[in-house]
């Protein structure tokens, strides 16, 4: 489920970036700043979708940390 959510966020970011390119190019000086902001927002969404860990990775890290702390005692 998380992997699907990550893919959704990545594709949403790609779509937002493409919308920013459309706004940036033909609409003139007024929308250039808006287009750049939308492109940046889309790239940030893509990065977040790429970096998001799956639930399995999170649970594995938590269990490993718990086991390490338990062994120290």
PDB file of N, CA and C in Angstrom:
ATOM      1  N   UNK A   1       0.819  -1.199   0.000  1.00  0.00           N
ATOM      2  CA  UNK A   1       0.000   0.000   0.000  1.00  0.00           C
ATOM      3  C   UNK A   1       0.859   1.258   0.000  1.00  0.00           C
ATOM      4  N   UNK A   2       1.931   1.257   0.814  1.00  0.00           N
ATOM      5  CA  UNK A   2       2.777   2.443   0.893  1.00  0.00           C
ATOM      6  C   UNK A   2       3.507   2.661  -0.415  1.00  0.00           C
ATOM      7  N   UNK A   3       3.917   1.561  -1.070  1.00  0.00           N
ATOM      8  CA  UNK A   3       4.600   1.686  -2.340  1.00  0.00           C
ATOM      9  C   UNK A   3       3.687   2.329  -3.377  1.00  0.00           C
ATOM     10  N   UNK A   4       2.410   1.962  -3.364  1.00  0.00           N
ATOM     11  CA  UNK A   4       1.443   2.577  -4.268  1.00  0.00           C
ATOM     12  C   UNK A   4       1.273   4.057  -3.935  1.00  0.00           C
ATOM     13  N   UNK A   5       1.282   4.388  -2.646  1.00  0.00           N
ATOM     14  CA  UNK A   5       1.166   5.785  -2.229  1.00  0.00           C
ATOM     15  C   UNK A   5       2.391   6.577  -2.680  1.00  0.00           C
ATOM     16  N   UNK A   6       3.561   5.964  -2.580  1.00  0.00           N
ATOM     17  CA  UNK A   6       4.785   6.602  -3.019  1.00  0.00           C
ATOM     18  C   UNK A   6       4.743   6.857  -4.523  1.00  0.00           C
ATOM     19  N   UNK A   7       4.274   5.869  -5.276  1.00  0.00           N
ATOM     20  CA  UNK A   7       4.159   6.044  -6.723  1.00  0.00           C
ATOM     21  C   UNK A   7       3.150   7.134  -7.058  1.00  0.00           C
ATOM     22  N   UNK A   8       2.053   7.189  -6.317  1.00  0.00           N
ATOM     23  CA  UNK A   8       1.044   8.218  -6.552  1.00  0.00           C
ATOM     24  C   UNK A   8       1.626   9.609  -6.324  1.00  0.00           C
ATOM     25  N   UNK A   9       2.379   9.778  -5.237  1.00  0.00           N
ATOM     26  CA  UNK A   9       2.983  11.076  -4.939  1.00  0.00           C
ATOM     27  C   UNK A   9       3.997  11.444  -6.024  1.00  0.00           C
ATOM     28  N   UNK A  10       4.772  10.465  -6.484  1.00  0.00           N
ATOM     29  CA  UNK A  10       5.761  10.724  -7.531  1.00  0.00           C
ATOM     30  C   UNK A  10       5.075  11.155  -8.821  1.00  0.00           C
ATOM     31  N   UNK A  11       4.034  10.445  -9.226  1.00  0.00           N
ATOM     32  CA  UNK A  11       3.331  10.802 -10.457  1.00  0.00           C
ATOM     33  C   UNK A  11       2.585  12.130 -10.324  1.00  0.00           C
ATOM     34  N   UNK A  12       2.064  12.405  -9.146  1.00  0.00           N
ATOM     35  CA  UNK A  12       1.426  13.693  -8.906  1.00  0.00           C
ATOM     36  C   UNK A  12       2.449  14.821  -9.053  1.00  0.00           C
ATOM     37  N   UNK A  13       3.643  14.615  -8.513  1.00  0.00           N
ATOM     38  CA  UNK A  13       4.709  15.603  -8.653  1.00  0.00           C
ATOM     39  C   UNK A  13       5.107  15.812 -10.100  1.00  0.00           C
ATOM     40  N   UNK A  14       5.150  14.729 -10.864  1.00  0.00           N
ATOM     41  CA  UNK A  14       5.476  14.841 -12.285  1.00  0.00           C
ATOM     42  C   UNK A  14       4.407  15.646 -13.017  1.00  0.00           C
ATOM     43  N   UNK A  15       3.147  15.374 -12.707  1.00  0.00           N
ATOM     44  CA  UNK A  15       2.058  16.119 -13.337  1.00  0.00           C
ATOM     45  C   UNK A  15       2.086  17.595 -12.971  1.00  0.00           C
ATOM     46  N   UNK A  16       2.365  17.894 -11.713  1.00  0.00           N
ATOM     47  CA  UNK A  16       2.442  19.290 -11.283  1.00  0.00           C
ATOM     48  C   UNK A  16       3.603  19.987 -11.983  1.00  0.00           C
ATOM     49  N   UNK A  17       4.734  19.280 -12.129  1.00  0.00           N
ATOM     50  CA  UNK A  17       5.883  19.872 -12.821  1.00  0.00           C
ATOM     51  C   UNK A  17       5.553  20.169 -14.271  1.00  0.00           C
ATOM     52  N   UNK A  18       4.863  19.256 -14.925  1.00  0.00           N
ATOM     53  CA  UNK A  18       4.487  19.503 -16.317  1.00  0.00           C
ATOM     54  C   UNK A  18       3.515  20.671 -16.431  1.00  0.00           C
ATOM     55  N   UNK A  19       2.614  20.813 -15.472  1.00  0.00           N
ATOM     56  CA  UNK A  19       1.725  21.966 -15.453  1.00  0.00           C
ATOM     57  C   UNK A  19       2.541  23.254 -15.306  1.00  0.00           C
ATOM     58  N   UNK A  20       3.578  23.213 -14.483  1.00  0.00           N
ATOM     59  CA  UNK A  20       4.448  24.376 -14.322  1.00  0.00           C
ATOM     60  C   UNK A  20       5.158  24.735 -15.608  1.00  0.00           C
ATOM     61  N   UNK A  21       5.577  23.726 -16.369  1.00  0.00           N
ATOM     62  CA  UNK A  21       6.225  23.995 -17.659  1.00  0.00           C
ATOM     63  C   UNK A  21       5.233  24.657 -18.606  1.00  0.00           C
ATOM     64  N   UNK A  22       4.006  24.177 -18.597  1.00  0.00           N
ATOM     65  CA  UNK A  22       2.974  24.774 -19.453  1.00  0.00           C
ATOM     66  C   UNK A  22       2.720  26.223 -19.050  1.00  0.00           C
ATOM     67  N   UNK A  23       2.663  26.505 -17.757  1.00  0.00           N
ATOM     68  CA  UNK A  23       2.441  27.878 -17.303  1.00  0.00           C
ATOM     69  C   UNK A  23       3.649  28.766 -17.585  1.00  0.00           C
ATOM     70  N   UNK A  24       4.841  28.212 -17.482  1.00  0.00           N
ATOM     71  CA  UNK A  24       6.058  29.009 -17.606  1.00  0.00           C
ATOM     72  C   UNK A  24       6.280  29.472 -19.033  1.00  0.00           C
ATOM     73  N   UNK A  25       6.066  28.615 -19.996  1.00  0.00           N
ATOM     74  CA  UNK A  25       6.484  28.904 -21.359  1.00  0.00           C
ATOM     75  C   UNK A  25       5.612  29.914 -22.100  1.00  0.00           C
ATOM     76  N   UNK A  26       4.339  29.638 -22.373  1.00  0.00           N
ATOM     77  CA  UNK A  26       3.653  30.494 -23.344  1.00  0.00           C
ATOM     78  C   UNK A  26       2.918  31.704 -22.770  1.00  0.00           C
ATOM     79  N   UNK A  27       2.754  31.796 -21.464  1.00  0.00           N
ATOM     80  CA  UNK A  27       1.856  32.806 -20.946  1.00  0.00           C
ATOM     81  C   UNK A  27       2.528  34.135 -20.607  1.00  0.00           C
ATOM     82  N   UNK A  28       3.780  34.275 -20.912  1.00  0.00           N
ATOM     83  CA  UNK A  28       4.424  35.572 -20.783  1.00  0.00           C
ATOM     84  C   UNK A  28       4.993  35.850 -19.409  1.00  0.00           C
ATOM     85  N   UNK A  29       5.336  37.112 -19.200  1.00  0.00           N
ATOM     86  CA  UNK A  29       6.077  37.542 -18.022  1.00  0.00           C
ATOM     87  C   UNK A  29       5.295  37.351 -16.725  1.00  0.00           C
ATOM     88  N   UNK A  30       3.994  37.553 -16.738  1.00  0.00           N
ATOM     89  CA  UNK A  30       3.182  37.484 -15.533  1.00  0.00           C
ATOM     90  C   UNK A  30       3.221  36.096 -14.899  1.00  0.00           C
ATOM     91  N   UNK A  31       3.223  35.066 -15.735  1.00  0.00           N
ATOM     92  CA  UNK A  31       3.127  33.708 -15.210  1.00  0.00           C
ATOM     93  C   UNK A  31       4.462  32.990 -15.106  1.00  0.00           C
ATOM     94  N   UNK A  32       5.569  33.642 -15.445  1.00  0.00           N
ATOM     95  CA  UNK A  32       6.866  32.962 -15.350  1.00  0.00           C
ATOM     96  C   UNK A  32       7.193  32.608 -13.911  1.00  0.00           C
ATOM     97  N   UNK A  33       6.960  33.528 -12.989  1.00  0.00           N
ATOM     98  CA  UNK A  33       7.215  33.236 -11.582  1.00  0.00           C
ATOM     99  C   UNK A  33       6.309  32.135 -11.069  1.00  0.00           C
ATOM    100  N   UNK A  34       5.059  32.171 -11.470  1.00  0.00           N
ATOM    101  CA  UNK A  34       4.110  31.134 -11.061  1.00  0.00           C
ATOM    102  C   UNK A  34       4.522  29.782 -11.631  1.00  0.00           C
ATOM    103  N   UNK A  35       4.939  29.781 -12.874  1.00  0.00           N
ATOM    104  CA  UNK A  35       5.377  28.532 -13.500  1.00  0.00           C
ATOM    105  C   UNK A  35       6.576  27.943 -12.794  1.00  0.00           C
ATOM    106  N   UNK A  36       7.531  28.790 -12.416  1.00  0.00           N
ATOM    107  CA  UNK A  36       8.713  28.299 -11.706  1.00  0.00           C
ATOM    108  C   UNK A  36       8.347  27.749 -10.334  1.00  0.00           C
ATOM    109  N   UNK A  37       7.412  28.420  -9.642  1.00  0.00           N
ATOM    110  CA  UNK A  37       6.982  27.917  -8.340  1.00  0.00           C
ATOM    111  C   UNK A  37       6.275  26.574  -8.478  1.00  0.00           C
ATOM    112  N   UNK A  38       5.449  26.417  -9.492  1.00  0.00           N
ATOM    113  CA  UNK A  38       4.731  25.158  -9.698  1.00  0.00           C
ATOM    114  C   UNK A  38       5.705  24.049 -10.080  1.00  0.00           C
ATOM    115  N   UNK A  39       6.708  24.362 -10.904  1.00  0.00           N
ATOM    116  CA  UNK A  39       7.733  23.373 -11.245  1.00  0.00           C
ATOM    117  C   UNK A  39       8.465  22.937  -9.984  1.00  0.00           C
ATOM    118  N   UNK A  40       8.839  23.891  -9.143  1.00  0.00           N
ATOM    119  CA  UNK A  40       9.528  23.560  -7.894  1.00  0.00           C
ATOM    120  C   UNK A  40       8.673  22.701  -6.985  1.00  0.00           C
ATOM    121  N   UNK A  41       7.395  23.025  -6.866  1.00  0.00           N
ATOM    122  CA  UNK A  41       6.481  22.233  -6.047  1.00  0.00           C
ATOM    123  C   UNK A  41       6.370  20.808  -6.571  1.00  0.00           C
ATOM    124  N   UNK A  42       6.293  20.668  -7.877  1.00  0.00           N
ATOM    125  CA  UNK A  42       6.219  19.338  -8.478  1.00  0.00           C
ATOM    126  C   UNK A  42       7.481  18.525  -8.227  1.00  0.00           C
ATOM    127  N   UNK A  43       8.636  19.175  -8.327  1.00  0.00           N
ATOM    128  CA  UNK A  43       9.892  18.468  -8.074  1.00  0.00           C
ATOM    129  C   UNK A  43      10.010  18.040  -6.617  1.00  0.00           C
ATOM    130  N   UNK A  44       9.519  18.885  -5.712  1.00  0.00           N
ATOM    131  CA  UNK A  44       9.524  18.517  -4.291  1.00  0.00           C
ATOM    132  C   UNK A  44       8.616  17.306  -4.049  1.00  0.00           C
ATOM    133  N   UNK A  45       7.445  17.279  -4.682  1.00  0.00           N
ATOM    134  CA  UNK A  45       6.545  16.127  -4.546  1.00  0.00           C
ATOM    135  C   UNK A  45       7.196  14.856  -5.076  1.00  0.00           C
ATOM    136  N   UNK A  46       7.912  14.971  -6.188  1.00  0.00           N
ATOM    137  CA  UNK A  46       8.591  13.803  -6.740  1.00  0.00           C
ATOM    138  C   UNK A  46       9.664  13.302  -5.785  1.00  0.00           C
ATOM    139  N   UNK A  47      10.409  14.218  -5.186  1.00  0.00           N
ATOM    140  CA  UNK A  47      11.460  13.832  -4.245  1.00  0.00           C
ATOM    141  C   UNK A  47      10.874  13.156  -3.011  1.00  0.00           C
ATOM    142  N   UNK A  48       9.788  13.702  -2.483  1.00  0.00           N
ATOM    143  CA  UNK A  48       9.138  13.106  -1.306  1.00  0.00           C
ATOM    144  C   UNK A  48       8.619  11.713  -1.642  1.00  0.00           C
ATOM    145  N   UNK A  49       8.019  11.547  -2.797  1.00  0.00           N
ATOM    146  CA  UNK A  49       7.531  10.235  -3.204  1.00  0.00           C
ATOM    147  C   UNK A  49       8.651   9.232  -3.378  1.00  0.00           C
ATOM    148  N   UNK A  50       9.799   9.687  -3.829  1.00  0.00           N
ATOM    149  CA  UNK A  50      10.942   8.791  -4.018  1.00  0.00           C
ATOM    150  C   UNK A  50      11.572   8.398  -2.690  1.00  0.00           C
ATOM    151  N   UNK A  51      11.645   9.332  -1.750  1.00  0.00           N
ATOM    152  CA  UNK A  51      12.327   9.095  -0.482  1.00  0.00           C
ATOM    153  C   UNK A  51      11.466   8.394   0.556  1.00  0.00           C
ATOM    154  N   UNK A  52      10.182   8.314   0.335  1.00  0.00           N
ATOM    155  CA  UNK A  52       9.285   7.742   1.332  1.00  0.00           C
ATOM    156  C   UNK A  52       9.578   6.258   1.519  1.00  0.00           C
ATOM    157  N   UNK A  53       9.821   5.855   2.751  1.00  0.00           N
ATOM    158  CA  UNK A  53      10.104   4.457   3.058  1.00  0.00           C
ATOM    159  C   UNK A  53       8.818   3.647   3.110  1.00  0.00           C
ATOM    160  N   UNK A  54       8.947   2.391   2.811  1.00  0.00           N
ATOM    161  CA  UNK A  54       7.783   1.528   2.931  1.00  0.00           C
ATOM    162  C   UNK A  54       7.587   1.139   4.395  1.00  0.00           C
ATOM    163  N   UNK A  55       6.415   0.672   4.722  1.00  0.00           N
ATOM    164  CA  UNK A  55       6.109   0.281   6.100  1.00  0.00           C
ATOM    165  C   UNK A  55       6.985  -0.884   6.545  1.00  0.00           C
ATOM    166  N   UNK A  56       7.310  -1.769   5.629  1.00  0.00           N
ATOM    167  CA  UNK A  56       8.137  -2.922   5.975  1.00  0.00           C
ATOM    168  C   UNK A  56       9.518  -2.459   6.427  1.00  0.00           C
ATOM    169  N   UNK A  57      10.106  -1.509   5.717  1.00  0.00           N
ATOM    170  CA  UNK A  57      11.419  -0.985   6.102  1.00  0.00           C
ATOM    171  C   UNK A  57      11.366  -0.310   7.465  1.00  0.00           C
ATOM    172  N   UNK A  58      10.321   0.433   7.728  1.00  0.00           N
ATOM    173  CA  UNK A  58      10.182   1.132   9.008  1.00  0.00           C
ATOM    174  C   UNK A  58      10.061   0.123  10.153  1.00  0.00           C
ATOM    175  N   UNK A  59       9.239  -0.906   9.964  1.00  0.00           N
ATOM    176  CA  UNK A  59       9.062  -1.916  11.005  1.00  0.00           C
ATOM    177  C   UNK A  59      10.364  -2.675  11.233  1.00  0.00           C
ATOM    178  N   UNK A  60      11.060  -3.030  10.158  1.00  0.00           N
ATOM    179  CA  UNK A  60      12.334  -3.754  10.317  1.00  0.00           C
ATOM    180  C   UNK A  60      13.354  -2.934  11.088  1.00  0.00           C
ATOM    181  N   UNK A  61      13.463  -1.652  10.788  1.00  0.00           N
ATOM    182  CA  UNK A  61      14.409  -0.798  11.515  1.00  0.00           C
ATOM    183  C   UNK A  61      14.029  -0.687  12.988  1.00  0.00           C
ATOM    184  N   UNK A  62      12.754  -0.565  13.269  1.00  0.00           N
ATOM    185  CA  UNK A  62      12.294  -0.452  14.653  1.00  0.00           C
ATOM    186  C   UNK A  62      12.598  -1.730  15.437  1.00  0.00           C
ATOM    187  N   UNK A  63      12.336  -2.873  14.836  1.00  0.00           N
ATOM    188  CA  UNK A  63      12.601  -4.150  15.520  1.00  0.00           C
ATOM    189  C   UNK A  63      14.099  -4.326  15.750  1.00  0.00           C
ATOM    190  N   UNK A  64      14.919  -3.987  14.764  1.00  0.00           N
ATOM    191  CA  UNK A  64      16.369  -4.101  14.933  1.00  0.00           C
ATOM    192  C   UNK A  64      16.875  -3.200  16.052  1.00  0.00           C
ATOM    193  N   UNK A  65      16.383  -1.974  16.112  1.00  0.00           N
ATOM    194  CA  UNK A  65      16.783  -1.067  17.191  1.00  0.00           C
ATOM    195  C   UNK A  65      16.335  -1.587  18.558  1.00  0.00           C
ATOM    196  N   UNK A  66      15.137  -2.149  18.627  1.00  0.00           N
ATOM    197  CA  UNK A  66      14.642  -2.703  19.880  1.00  0.00           C
ATOM    198  C   UNK A  66      15.514  -3.874  20.330  1.00  0.00           C
ATOM    199  N   UNK A  67      15.877  -4.740  19.384  1.00  0.00           N
ATOM    200  CA  UNK A  67      16.707  -5.890  19.728  1.00  0.00           C
ATOM    201  C   UNK A  67      18.104  -5.457  20.177  1.00  0.00           C
ATOM    202  N   UNK A  68      18.669  -4.448  19.545  1.00  0.00           N
ATOM    203  CA  UNK A  68      19.982  -3.940  19.954  1.00  0.00           C
ATOM    204  C   UNK A  68      19.924  -3.371  21.367  1.00  0.00           C
ATOM    205  N   UNK A  69      18.902  -2.590  21.661  1.00  0.00           N
ATOM    206  CA  UNK A  69      18.756  -2.004  22.985  1.00  0.00           C
ATOM    207  C   UNK A  69      18.501  -3.071  24.049  1.00  0.00           C
ATOM    208  N   UNK A  70      17.810  -4.113  23.697  1.00  0.00           N
ATOM    209  CA  UNK A  70      17.498  -5.189  24.645  1.00  0.00           C
ATOM    210  C   UNK A  70      18.749  -5.998  24.970  1.00  0.00           C
ATOM    211  N   UNK A  71      19.615  -6.203  23.979  1.00  0.00           N
ATOM    212  CA  UNK A  71      20.844  -6.960  24.188  1.00  0.00           C
ATOM    213  C   UNK A  71      21.823  -6.209  25.077  1.00  0.00           C
ATOM    214  N   UNK A  72      21.798  -4.878  25.034  1.00  0.00           N
ATOM    215  CA  UNK A  72      22.719  -4.067  25.836  1.00  0.00           C
ATOM    216  C   UNK A  72      22.443  -4.197  27.333  1.00  0.00           C
ATOM    217  N   UNK A  73      21.228  -4.494  27.698  1.00  0.00           N
ATOM    218  CA  UNK A  73      20.855  -4.568  29.111  1.00  0.00           C
ATOM    219  C   UNK A  73      21.317  -5.823  29.674  1.00  0.00           C
TER     220      UNK A  73
END
